Amino acid sequence: MFERCTFTDADLRGIEIHGCTFTNCDFTGADLGESRHVASAFRSCTFHRTVLAGSTFEACTLLGSLFTECRLRPWTLRDTDLTLVGLGAADLRGADLRGLRLREANLVETDLRRADLRETDLRGARLLAARLEDADLRGAHLDADALVQARLAGARIDLDTAVAFAAAHGLRID
């Protein structure tokens, strides 16, 4: 367990972490590239200008963590909880985010073009000016605000989302 620890500019490239908990830790400028994290918790941690490219998070929670100006691609996330995460303006083009929990996440101006968001829980997520062009949103859970505020041209959606989209844009379905 690590609490309020500072990993500023740390070289953690290729590290493997299993079952650790980090609370209110600072990873500013750290290199976590090619690292692997399994069943670990990063609660309210700060990742500023952090390298996460090539890293894998599996069965983890990143609850309330903030990511700014990070190098994320490619970033592998499996069975990971991103509730309340701040990923505003992040570059997640083409990311595989299937089935993840992104409830109440800040995705304002995030680039999610061509991302796979099937079955992803985006309820309460802030998606103002988020780029979801050509993203796969089939089975995703989205609020009406997200359907109005995000850019969705070319996105793949299911029938339920299409009806919710129409209603969010003031269309009457008879």
N, C-alpha and C. Protein backbone atom coordinates (compact mmCIF):
# COMPACT_ATOMS: atom_id res chain seq x y z
N MET A 1 0.84 -1.17 0.00
CA MET A 1 0.00 0.00 0.00
C MET A 1 0.89 1.24 0.00
N PHE A 2 0.55 2.17 -0.88
CA PHE A 2 1.26 3.43 -0.98
C PHE A 2 0.24 4.56 -0.82
N GLU A 3 0.52 5.47 0.08
CA GLU A 3 -0.40 6.59 0.29
C GLU A 3 0.40 7.90 0.28
N ARG A 4 -0.09 8.83 -0.56
CA ARG A 4 0.54 10.15 -0.71
C ARG A 4 2.02 10.06 -1.08
N CYS A 5 2.38 9.07 -1.85
CA CYS A 5 3.77 8.91 -2.29
C CYS A 5 3.99 9.67 -3.59
N THR A 6 5.22 10.10 -3.79
CA THR A 6 5.58 10.83 -5.00
C THR A 6 6.52 9.97 -5.84
N PHE A 7 6.10 9.74 -7.08
CA PHE A 7 6.91 8.98 -8.03
C PHE A 7 7.32 9.89 -9.19
N THR A 8 7.52 11.16 -8.90
CA THR A 8 7.84 12.16 -9.91
C THR A 8 9.10 11.76 -10.66
N ASP A 9 8.98 11.73 -12.01
CA ASP A 9 10.08 11.41 -12.92
C ASP A 9 10.70 10.03 -12.68
N ALA A 10 9.99 9.15 -12.01
CA ALA A 10 10.52 7.80 -11.74
C ALA A 10 10.55 6.96 -13.01
N ASP A 11 11.59 6.17 -13.15
CA ASP A 11 11.69 5.23 -14.27
C ASP A 11 11.11 3.90 -13.81
N LEU A 12 9.84 3.70 -14.14
CA LEU A 12 9.13 2.47 -13.77
C LEU A 12 8.81 1.64 -15.01
N ARG A 13 9.53 1.88 -16.08
CA ARG A 13 9.30 1.21 -17.35
C ARG A 13 9.44 -0.30 -17.18
N GLY A 14 8.42 -1.02 -17.66
CA GLY A 14 8.44 -2.47 -17.65
C GLY A 14 8.13 -3.11 -16.31
N ILE A 15 7.79 -2.33 -15.30
CA ILE A 15 7.50 -2.87 -13.97
C ILE A 15 6.22 -3.71 -14.01
N GLU A 16 6.15 -4.74 -13.17
CA GLU A 16 4.94 -5.55 -13.02
C GLU A 16 4.44 -5.40 -11.60
N ILE A 17 3.16 -5.01 -11.47
CA ILE A 17 2.56 -4.78 -10.16
C ILE A 17 1.31 -5.64 -10.04
N HIS A 18 1.21 -6.37 -8.94
CA HIS A 18 0.06 -7.22 -8.68
C HIS A 18 -0.50 -6.91 -7.29
N GLY A 19 -1.78 -6.51 -7.24
CA GLY A 19 -2.47 -6.33 -5.97
C GLY A 19 -2.00 -5.18 -5.10
N CYS A 20 -1.44 -4.15 -5.69
CA CYS A 20 -0.99 -2.98 -4.91
C CYS A 20 -2.08 -1.92 -4.88
N THR A 21 -2.04 -1.09 -3.86
CA THR A 21 -2.97 0.03 -3.75
C THR A 21 -2.17 1.32 -3.65
N PHE A 22 -2.50 2.27 -4.51
CA PHE A 22 -1.89 3.59 -4.51
C PHE A 22 -3.01 4.60 -4.26
N THR A 23 -2.91 5.39 -3.21
CA THR A 23 -3.93 6.38 -2.88
C THR A 23 -3.29 7.76 -2.81
N ASN A 24 -3.85 8.68 -3.61
CA ASN A 24 -3.36 10.06 -3.66
C ASN A 24 -1.87 10.13 -3.98
N CYS A 25 -1.40 9.29 -4.87
CA CYS A 25 0.01 9.28 -5.26
C CYS A 25 0.21 10.12 -6.52
N ASP A 26 1.41 10.64 -6.67
CA ASP A 26 1.74 11.52 -7.79
C ASP A 26 2.75 10.84 -8.71
N PHE A 27 2.31 10.62 -9.97
CA PHE A 27 3.15 9.99 -10.98
C PHE A 27 3.58 10.98 -12.06
N THR A 28 3.69 12.26 -11.71
CA THR A 28 4.06 13.29 -12.67
C THR A 28 5.41 12.97 -13.31
N GLY A 29 5.42 12.94 -14.65
CA GLY A 29 6.65 12.72 -15.39
C GLY A 29 7.21 11.31 -15.32
N ALA A 30 6.51 10.41 -14.65
CA ALA A 30 7.01 9.03 -14.52
C ALA A 30 6.87 8.28 -15.85
N ASP A 31 7.75 7.32 -16.05
CA ASP A 31 7.69 6.46 -17.24
C ASP A 31 7.18 5.09 -16.80
N LEU A 32 5.92 4.83 -17.13
CA LEU A 32 5.29 3.53 -16.85
C LEU A 32 5.09 2.75 -18.14
N GLY A 33 5.82 3.14 -19.19
CA GLY A 33 5.69 2.46 -20.48
C GLY A 33 6.01 0.98 -20.36
N GLU A 34 5.26 0.17 -21.11
CA GLU A 34 5.46 -1.28 -21.15
C GLU A 34 5.28 -1.95 -19.78
N SER A 35 4.62 -1.27 -18.83
CA SER A 35 4.40 -1.85 -17.50
C SER A 35 3.11 -2.66 -17.49
N ARG A 36 2.96 -3.51 -16.47
CA ARG A 36 1.76 -4.34 -16.35
C ARG A 36 1.26 -4.24 -14.92
N HIS A 37 -0.06 -3.99 -14.80
CA HIS A 37 -0.70 -3.80 -13.50
C HIS A 37 -1.91 -4.73 -13.42
N VAL A 38 -1.93 -5.59 -12.44
CA VAL A 38 -3.02 -6.55 -12.31
C VAL A 38 -3.63 -6.42 -10.92
N ALA A 39 -4.97 -6.33 -10.87
CA ALA A 39 -5.72 -6.28 -9.61
C ALA A 39 -5.16 -5.23 -8.66
N SER A 40 -4.81 -4.08 -9.20
CA SER A 40 -4.26 -2.98 -8.41
C SER A 40 -5.22 -1.80 -8.42
N ALA A 41 -5.07 -0.95 -7.41
CA ALA A 41 -5.94 0.22 -7.30
C ALA A 41 -5.09 1.48 -7.30
N PHE A 42 -5.48 2.43 -8.15
CA PHE A 42 -4.86 3.74 -8.22
C PHE A 42 -5.98 4.73 -7.90
N ARG A 43 -6.13 5.09 -6.65
CA ARG A 43 -7.26 5.92 -6.22
C ARG A 43 -6.81 7.38 -6.08
N SER A 44 -7.48 8.25 -6.82
CA SER A 44 -7.21 9.68 -6.77
C SER A 44 -5.73 10.01 -6.99
N CYS A 45 -5.12 9.31 -7.92
CA CYS A 45 -3.72 9.55 -8.25
C CYS A 45 -3.61 10.58 -9.37
N THR A 46 -2.45 11.22 -9.46
CA THR A 46 -2.19 12.22 -10.49
C THR A 46 -1.17 11.68 -11.48
N PHE A 47 -1.56 11.71 -12.75
CA PHE A 47 -0.68 11.30 -13.84
C PHE A 47 -0.56 12.51 -14.77
N HIS A 48 0.51 13.26 -14.64
CA HIS A 48 0.71 14.45 -15.48
C HIS A 48 1.99 14.23 -16.28
N ARG A 49 1.84 14.31 -17.61
CA ARG A 49 2.97 14.06 -18.52
C ARG A 49 3.61 12.71 -18.24
N THR A 50 2.79 11.76 -17.88
CA THR A 50 3.23 10.40 -17.58
C THR A 50 3.20 9.57 -18.85
N VAL A 51 4.19 8.72 -19.03
CA VAL A 51 4.21 7.80 -20.17
C VAL A 51 3.54 6.51 -19.75
N LEU A 52 2.43 6.18 -20.43
CA LEU A 52 1.71 4.94 -20.18
C LEU A 52 1.63 4.10 -21.46
N ALA A 53 2.27 4.55 -22.52
CA ALA A 53 2.22 3.84 -23.80
C ALA A 53 2.76 2.42 -23.64
N GLY A 54 1.98 1.48 -24.14
CA GLY A 54 2.37 0.08 -24.07
C GLY A 54 2.07 -0.59 -22.74
N SER A 55 1.48 0.15 -21.80
CA SER A 55 1.17 -0.44 -20.49
C SER A 55 -0.17 -1.17 -20.53
N THR A 56 -0.34 -2.08 -19.57
CA THR A 56 -1.56 -2.87 -19.46
C THR A 56 -2.09 -2.76 -18.03
N PHE A 57 -3.39 -2.48 -17.93
CA PHE A 57 -4.08 -2.46 -16.64
C PHE A 57 -5.19 -3.50 -16.74
N GLU A 58 -5.11 -4.51 -15.90
CA GLU A 58 -6.09 -5.60 -15.95
C GLU A 58 -6.71 -5.80 -14.57
N ALA A 59 -8.05 -5.76 -14.51
CA ALA A 59 -8.79 -5.91 -13.25
C ALA A 59 -8.34 -4.88 -12.22
N CYS A 60 -8.14 -3.66 -12.69
CA CYS A 60 -7.68 -2.56 -11.82
C CYS A 60 -8.80 -1.55 -11.62
N THR A 61 -8.57 -0.64 -10.69
CA THR A 61 -9.44 0.52 -10.55
C THR A 61 -8.55 1.76 -10.57
N LEU A 62 -9.01 2.76 -11.30
CA LEU A 62 -8.32 4.04 -11.39
C LEU A 62 -9.24 5.14 -10.85
N LEU A 63 -10.09 4.80 -9.94
CA LEU A 63 -11.13 5.66 -9.40
C LEU A 63 -10.62 7.04 -9.05
N GLY A 64 -11.20 8.06 -9.72
CA GLY A 64 -10.91 9.45 -9.40
C GLY A 64 -9.53 9.94 -9.79
N SER A 65 -8.77 9.17 -10.55
CA SER A 65 -7.43 9.60 -10.95
C SER A 65 -7.51 10.60 -12.09
N LEU A 66 -6.48 11.43 -12.20
CA LEU A 66 -6.44 12.50 -13.19
C LEU A 66 -5.26 12.29 -14.13
N PHE A 67 -5.57 12.29 -15.44
CA PHE A 67 -4.56 12.11 -16.48
C PHE A 67 -4.51 13.37 -17.33
N THR A 68 -3.37 14.07 -17.33
CA THR A 68 -3.23 15.28 -18.15
C THR A 68 -1.92 15.18 -18.93
N GLU A 69 -2.02 15.50 -20.21
CA GLU A 69 -0.86 15.53 -21.11
C GLU A 69 -0.04 14.25 -21.07
N CYS A 70 -0.70 13.12 -20.94
CA CYS A 70 -0.03 11.83 -20.86
C CYS A 70 0.10 11.19 -22.24
N ARG A 71 1.12 10.39 -22.41
CA ARG A 71 1.26 9.59 -23.62
C ARG A 71 0.62 8.24 -23.32
N LEU A 72 -0.56 8.00 -23.95
CA LEU A 72 -1.38 6.84 -23.61
C LEU A 72 -1.41 5.74 -24.66
N ARG A 73 -1.09 6.06 -25.90
CA ARG A 73 -1.29 5.07 -26.96
C ARG A 73 -0.03 4.30 -27.27
N PRO A 74 -0.14 2.98 -27.42
CA PRO A 74 -1.32 2.16 -27.12
C PRO A 74 -1.40 1.86 -25.62
N TRP A 75 -2.62 1.85 -25.13
CA TRP A 75 -2.88 1.62 -23.71
C TRP A 75 -3.89 0.49 -23.63
N THR A 76 -3.58 -0.58 -22.93
CA THR A 76 -4.47 -1.73 -22.82
C THR A 76 -5.16 -1.71 -21.47
N LEU A 77 -6.49 -1.69 -21.51
CA LEU A 77 -7.31 -1.68 -20.30
C LEU A 77 -8.30 -2.82 -20.40
N ARG A 78 -8.26 -3.75 -19.45
CA ARG A 78 -9.20 -4.86 -19.43
C ARG A 78 -9.84 -4.94 -18.05
N ASP A 79 -11.18 -5.04 -18.04
CA ASP A 79 -11.92 -5.19 -16.79
C ASP A 79 -11.46 -4.15 -15.75
N THR A 80 -11.35 -2.91 -16.20
CA THR A 80 -10.84 -1.84 -15.35
C THR A 80 -11.90 -0.78 -15.11
N ASP A 81 -11.96 -0.29 -13.88
CA ASP A 81 -12.94 0.72 -13.48
C ASP A 81 -12.30 2.10 -13.58
N LEU A 82 -12.87 2.94 -14.45
CA LEU A 82 -12.39 4.30 -14.66
C LEU A 82 -13.43 5.32 -14.17
N THR A 83 -14.19 4.96 -13.17
CA THR A 83 -15.20 5.86 -12.62
C THR A 83 -14.54 7.13 -12.09
N LEU A 84 -15.14 8.28 -12.44
CA LEU A 84 -14.69 9.60 -12.00
C LEU A 84 -13.27 9.96 -12.46
N VAL A 85 -12.77 9.28 -13.46
CA VAL A 85 -11.43 9.56 -13.97
C VAL A 85 -11.44 10.83 -14.82
N GLY A 86 -10.38 11.60 -14.75
CA GLY A 86 -10.23 12.79 -15.59
C GLY A 86 -9.33 12.47 -16.77
N LEU A 87 -9.93 12.38 -17.95
CA LEU A 87 -9.18 12.11 -19.18
C LEU A 87 -9.48 13.19 -20.22
N GLY A 88 -9.77 14.40 -19.75
CA GLY A 88 -10.10 15.49 -20.66
C GLY A 88 -8.98 15.74 -21.64
N ALA A 89 -9.33 15.87 -22.93
CA ALA A 89 -8.41 16.16 -24.03
C ALA A 89 -7.38 15.06 -24.27
N ALA A 90 -7.62 13.87 -23.73
CA ALA A 90 -6.69 12.75 -23.95
C ALA A 90 -6.83 12.21 -25.38
N ASP A 91 -5.76 11.63 -25.87
CA ASP A 91 -5.76 11.00 -27.20
C ASP A 91 -5.94 9.50 -27.02
N LEU A 92 -7.17 9.04 -27.24
CA LEU A 92 -7.50 7.63 -27.12
C LEU A 92 -8.02 7.09 -28.45
N ARG A 93 -7.53 7.66 -29.55
CA ARG A 93 -7.96 7.20 -30.88
C ARG A 93 -7.69 5.70 -31.03
N GLY A 94 -8.73 4.99 -31.49
CA GLY A 94 -8.60 3.57 -31.77
C GLY A 94 -8.44 2.69 -30.55
N ALA A 95 -8.62 3.22 -29.36
CA ALA A 95 -8.43 2.43 -28.14
C ALA A 95 -9.53 1.39 -27.98
N ASP A 96 -9.17 0.26 -27.42
CA ASP A 96 -10.12 -0.80 -27.10
C ASP A 96 -10.57 -0.58 -25.66
N LEU A 97 -11.76 0.00 -25.50
CA LEU A 97 -12.30 0.31 -24.19
C LEU A 97 -13.57 -0.50 -23.92
N ARG A 98 -13.70 -1.62 -24.60
CA ARG A 98 -14.88 -2.46 -24.48
C ARG A 98 -15.16 -2.86 -23.04
N GLY A 99 -16.42 -2.66 -22.64
CA GLY A 99 -16.90 -3.15 -21.36
C GLY A 99 -16.36 -2.45 -20.13
N LEU A 100 -15.65 -1.35 -20.31
CA LEU A 100 -15.10 -0.66 -19.15
C LEU A 100 -16.15 0.22 -18.48
N ARG A 101 -15.90 0.57 -17.24
CA ARG A 101 -16.78 1.48 -16.52
C ARG A 101 -16.12 2.85 -16.54
N LEU A 102 -16.76 3.80 -17.24
CA LEU A 102 -16.31 5.18 -17.32
C LEU A 102 -17.39 6.11 -16.77
N ARG A 103 -18.07 5.64 -15.74
CA ARG A 103 -19.16 6.43 -15.14
C ARG A 103 -18.61 7.74 -14.58
N GLU A 104 -19.30 8.82 -14.94
CA GLU A 104 -18.99 10.17 -14.46
C GLU A 104 -17.55 10.59 -14.75
N ALA A 105 -16.96 10.00 -15.77
CA ALA A 105 -15.60 10.37 -16.17
C ALA A 105 -15.61 11.70 -16.92
N ASN A 106 -14.54 12.44 -16.81
CA ASN A 106 -14.39 13.67 -17.58
C ASN A 106 -13.71 13.30 -18.90
N LEU A 107 -14.49 13.33 -19.97
CA LEU A 107 -13.97 13.04 -21.31
C LEU A 107 -14.15 14.25 -22.22
N VAL A 108 -14.20 15.43 -21.64
CA VAL A 108 -14.36 16.66 -22.40
C VAL A 108 -13.19 16.81 -23.37
N GLU A 109 -13.52 16.99 -24.64
CA GLU A 109 -12.55 17.15 -25.73
C GLU A 109 -11.62 15.96 -25.92
N THR A 110 -11.98 14.81 -25.40
CA THR A 110 -11.17 13.61 -25.58
C THR A 110 -11.35 13.07 -26.99
N ASP A 111 -10.27 12.61 -27.59
CA ASP A 111 -10.31 12.06 -28.94
C ASP A 111 -10.50 10.55 -28.85
N LEU A 112 -11.72 10.12 -29.15
CA LEU A 112 -12.09 8.71 -29.11
C LEU A 112 -12.47 8.20 -30.50
N ARG A 113 -11.97 8.86 -31.53
CA ARG A 113 -12.28 8.42 -32.89
C ARG A 113 -11.82 6.98 -33.08
N ARG A 114 -12.70 6.20 -33.71
CA ARG A 114 -12.46 4.80 -34.03
C ARG A 114 -12.26 3.91 -32.78
N ALA A 115 -12.58 4.42 -31.59
CA ALA A 115 -12.44 3.62 -30.37
C ALA A 115 -13.53 2.57 -30.30
N ASP A 116 -13.22 1.46 -29.68
CA ASP A 116 -14.20 0.39 -29.45
C ASP A 116 -14.76 0.59 -28.05
N LEU A 117 -15.99 1.08 -27.98
CA LEU A 117 -16.66 1.36 -26.72
C LEU A 117 -17.88 0.46 -26.52
N ARG A 118 -17.89 -0.68 -27.17
CA ARG A 118 -19.02 -1.60 -27.02
C ARG A 118 -19.18 -2.00 -25.56
N GLU A 119 -20.44 -1.95 -25.11
CA GLU A 119 -20.82 -2.36 -23.75
C GLU A 119 -20.16 -1.51 -22.66
N THR A 120 -19.62 -0.36 -23.00
CA THR A 120 -18.98 0.52 -22.02
C THR A 120 -20.03 1.35 -21.29
N ASP A 121 -19.84 1.51 -19.99
CA ASP A 121 -20.76 2.29 -19.17
C ASP A 121 -20.26 3.73 -19.12
N LEU A 122 -20.92 4.60 -19.86
CA LEU A 122 -20.57 6.01 -19.93
C LEU A 122 -21.61 6.89 -19.24
N ARG A 123 -22.44 6.30 -18.38
CA ARG A 123 -23.48 7.09 -17.71
C ARG A 123 -22.85 8.17 -16.84
N GLY A 124 -23.34 9.38 -17.03
CA GLY A 124 -22.85 10.52 -16.27
C GLY A 124 -21.53 11.09 -16.75
N ALA A 125 -20.94 10.47 -17.77
CA ALA A 125 -19.66 10.97 -18.30
C ALA A 125 -19.87 12.31 -18.99
N ARG A 126 -18.92 13.21 -18.82
CA ARG A 126 -18.96 14.51 -19.49
C ARG A 126 -18.24 14.37 -20.82
N LEU A 127 -19.00 14.52 -21.90
CA LEU A 127 -18.49 14.29 -23.25
C LEU A 127 -18.57 15.53 -24.14
N LEU A 128 -18.56 16.72 -23.55
CA LEU A 128 -18.64 17.94 -24.33
C LEU A 128 -17.47 18.00 -25.32
N ALA A 129 -17.80 18.11 -26.60
CA ALA A 129 -16.83 18.19 -27.70
C ALA A 129 -15.92 16.96 -27.80
N ALA A 130 -16.32 15.86 -27.19
CA ALA A 130 -15.56 14.62 -27.34
C ALA A 130 -15.71 14.13 -28.77
N ARG A 131 -14.64 13.60 -29.33
CA ARG A 131 -14.65 13.12 -30.71
C ARG A 131 -14.91 11.62 -30.71
N LEU A 132 -16.12 11.25 -31.12
CA LEU A 132 -16.52 9.85 -31.19
C LEU A 132 -16.80 9.42 -32.63
N GLU A 133 -16.26 10.16 -33.58
CA GLU A 133 -16.49 9.81 -34.98
C GLU A 133 -15.96 8.40 -35.25
N ASP A 134 -16.78 7.61 -35.93
CA ASP A 134 -16.43 6.24 -36.31
C ASP A 134 -16.16 5.31 -35.13
N ALA A 135 -16.57 5.70 -33.92
CA ALA A 135 -16.42 4.84 -32.75
C ALA A 135 -17.52 3.78 -32.77
N ASP A 136 -17.28 2.67 -32.11
CA ASP A 136 -18.28 1.61 -31.99
C ASP A 136 -18.93 1.74 -30.62
N LEU A 137 -20.18 2.18 -30.60
CA LEU A 137 -20.92 2.42 -29.36
C LEU A 137 -22.05 1.41 -29.15
N ARG A 138 -22.02 0.31 -29.87
CA ARG A 138 -23.10 -0.67 -29.72
C ARG A 138 -23.11 -1.24 -28.30
N GLY A 139 -24.27 -1.15 -27.68
CA GLY A 139 -24.44 -1.66 -26.32
C GLY A 139 -23.89 -0.75 -25.24
N ALA A 140 -23.32 0.39 -25.61
CA ALA A 140 -22.81 1.33 -24.62
C ALA A 140 -23.97 2.02 -23.91
N HIS A 141 -23.74 2.42 -22.70
CA HIS A 141 -24.75 3.12 -21.91
C HIS A 141 -24.38 4.60 -21.88
N LEU A 142 -25.18 5.43 -22.54
CA LEU A 142 -24.92 6.86 -22.67
C LEU A 142 -26.11 7.67 -22.18
N ASP A 143 -25.84 8.82 -21.58
CA ASP A 143 -26.90 9.75 -21.18
C ASP A 143 -27.27 10.63 -22.36
N ALA A 144 -28.44 11.26 -22.27
CA ALA A 144 -28.90 12.17 -23.32
C ALA A 144 -27.91 13.31 -23.55
N ASP A 145 -27.32 13.83 -22.48
CA ASP A 145 -26.34 14.91 -22.64
C ASP A 145 -25.18 14.48 -23.53
N ALA A 146 -24.70 13.29 -23.33
CA ALA A 146 -23.59 12.79 -24.15
C ALA A 146 -23.99 12.70 -25.61
N LEU A 147 -25.21 12.29 -25.86
CA LEU A 147 -25.67 12.15 -27.24
C LEU A 147 -25.85 13.49 -27.94
N VAL A 148 -25.95 14.56 -27.17
CA VAL A 148 -26.10 15.89 -27.73
C VAL A 148 -24.74 16.60 -27.82
N GLN A 149 -23.88 16.38 -26.86
CA GLN A 149 -22.64 17.15 -26.76
C GLN A 149 -21.45 16.57 -27.52
N ALA A 150 -21.42 15.27 -27.71
CA ALA A 150 -20.28 14.63 -28.38
C ALA A 150 -20.45 14.67 -29.90
N ARG A 151 -19.35 14.57 -30.60
CA ARG A 151 -19.37 14.47 -32.07
C ARG A 151 -19.48 12.98 -32.42
N LEU A 152 -20.56 12.62 -33.08
CA LEU A 152 -20.86 11.21 -33.29
C LEU A 152 -20.93 10.79 -34.76
N ALA A 153 -20.53 11.63 -35.68
CA ALA A 153 -20.65 11.31 -37.11
C ALA A 153 -19.95 9.98 -37.43
N GLY A 154 -20.69 9.09 -38.03
CA GLY A 154 -20.14 7.81 -38.44
C GLY A 154 -20.03 6.77 -37.34
N ALA A 155 -20.44 7.11 -36.12
CA ALA A 155 -20.37 6.14 -35.02
C ALA A 155 -21.35 5.00 -35.26
N ARG A 156 -20.98 3.80 -34.82
CA ARG A 156 -21.87 2.64 -34.91
C ARG A 156 -22.64 2.55 -33.61
N ILE A 157 -23.97 2.51 -33.72
CA ILE A 157 -24.82 2.44 -32.54
C ILE A 157 -25.88 1.37 -32.74
N ASP A 158 -26.51 0.97 -31.65
CA ASP A 158 -27.60 0.00 -31.72
C ASP A 158 -28.92 0.76 -31.77
N LEU A 159 -30.01 0.03 -31.92
CA LEU A 159 -31.33 0.63 -32.05
C LEU A 159 -31.72 1.44 -30.82
N ASP A 160 -31.45 0.94 -29.62
CA ASP A 160 -31.80 1.68 -28.40
C ASP A 160 -31.10 3.03 -28.34
N THR A 161 -29.83 3.06 -28.72
CA THR A 161 -29.09 4.32 -28.73
C THR A 161 -29.61 5.25 -29.81
N ALA A 162 -30.02 4.69 -30.94
CA ALA A 162 -30.58 5.51 -32.02
C ALA A 162 -31.86 6.21 -31.57
N VAL A 163 -32.71 5.49 -30.85
CA VAL A 163 -33.94 6.08 -30.34
C VAL A 163 -33.62 7.14 -29.29
N ALA A 164 -32.66 6.85 -28.40
CA ALA A 164 -32.26 7.82 -27.38
C ALA A 164 -31.64 9.06 -28.03
N PHE A 165 -30.89 8.87 -29.11
CA PHE A 165 -30.28 9.98 -29.85
C PHE A 165 -31.37 10.88 -30.44
N ALA A 166 -32.36 10.25 -31.06
CA ALA A 166 -33.46 11.01 -31.65
C ALA A 166 -34.20 11.81 -30.57
N ALA A 167 -34.50 11.17 -29.47
CA ALA A 167 -35.20 11.85 -28.38
C ALA A 167 -34.36 12.99 -27.79
N ALA A 168 -33.04 12.77 -27.65
CA ALA A 168 -32.15 13.79 -27.10
C ALA A 168 -32.08 15.03 -28.01
N HIS A 169 -32.33 14.82 -29.29
CA HIS A 169 -32.30 15.92 -30.24
C HIS A 169 -33.70 16.50 -30.51
N GLY A 170 -34.65 16.12 -29.66
CA GLY A 170 -35.97 16.72 -29.74
C GLY A 170 -36.89 16.12 -30.77
N LEU A 171 -36.52 15.01 -31.35
CA LEU A 171 -37.40 14.36 -32.33
C LEU A 171 -38.50 13.61 -31.62
N ARG A 172 -39.66 13.57 -32.22
CA ARG A 172 -40.79 12.81 -31.67
C ARG A 172 -40.86 11.50 -32.43
N ILE A 173 -40.96 10.43 -31.69
CA ILE A 173 -41.06 9.12 -32.31
C ILE A 173 -42.48 8.63 -32.12
N ASP A 174 -43.19 8.47 -33.23
CA ASP A 174 -44.59 8.01 -33.17
C ASP A 174 -44.71 6.56 -33.60
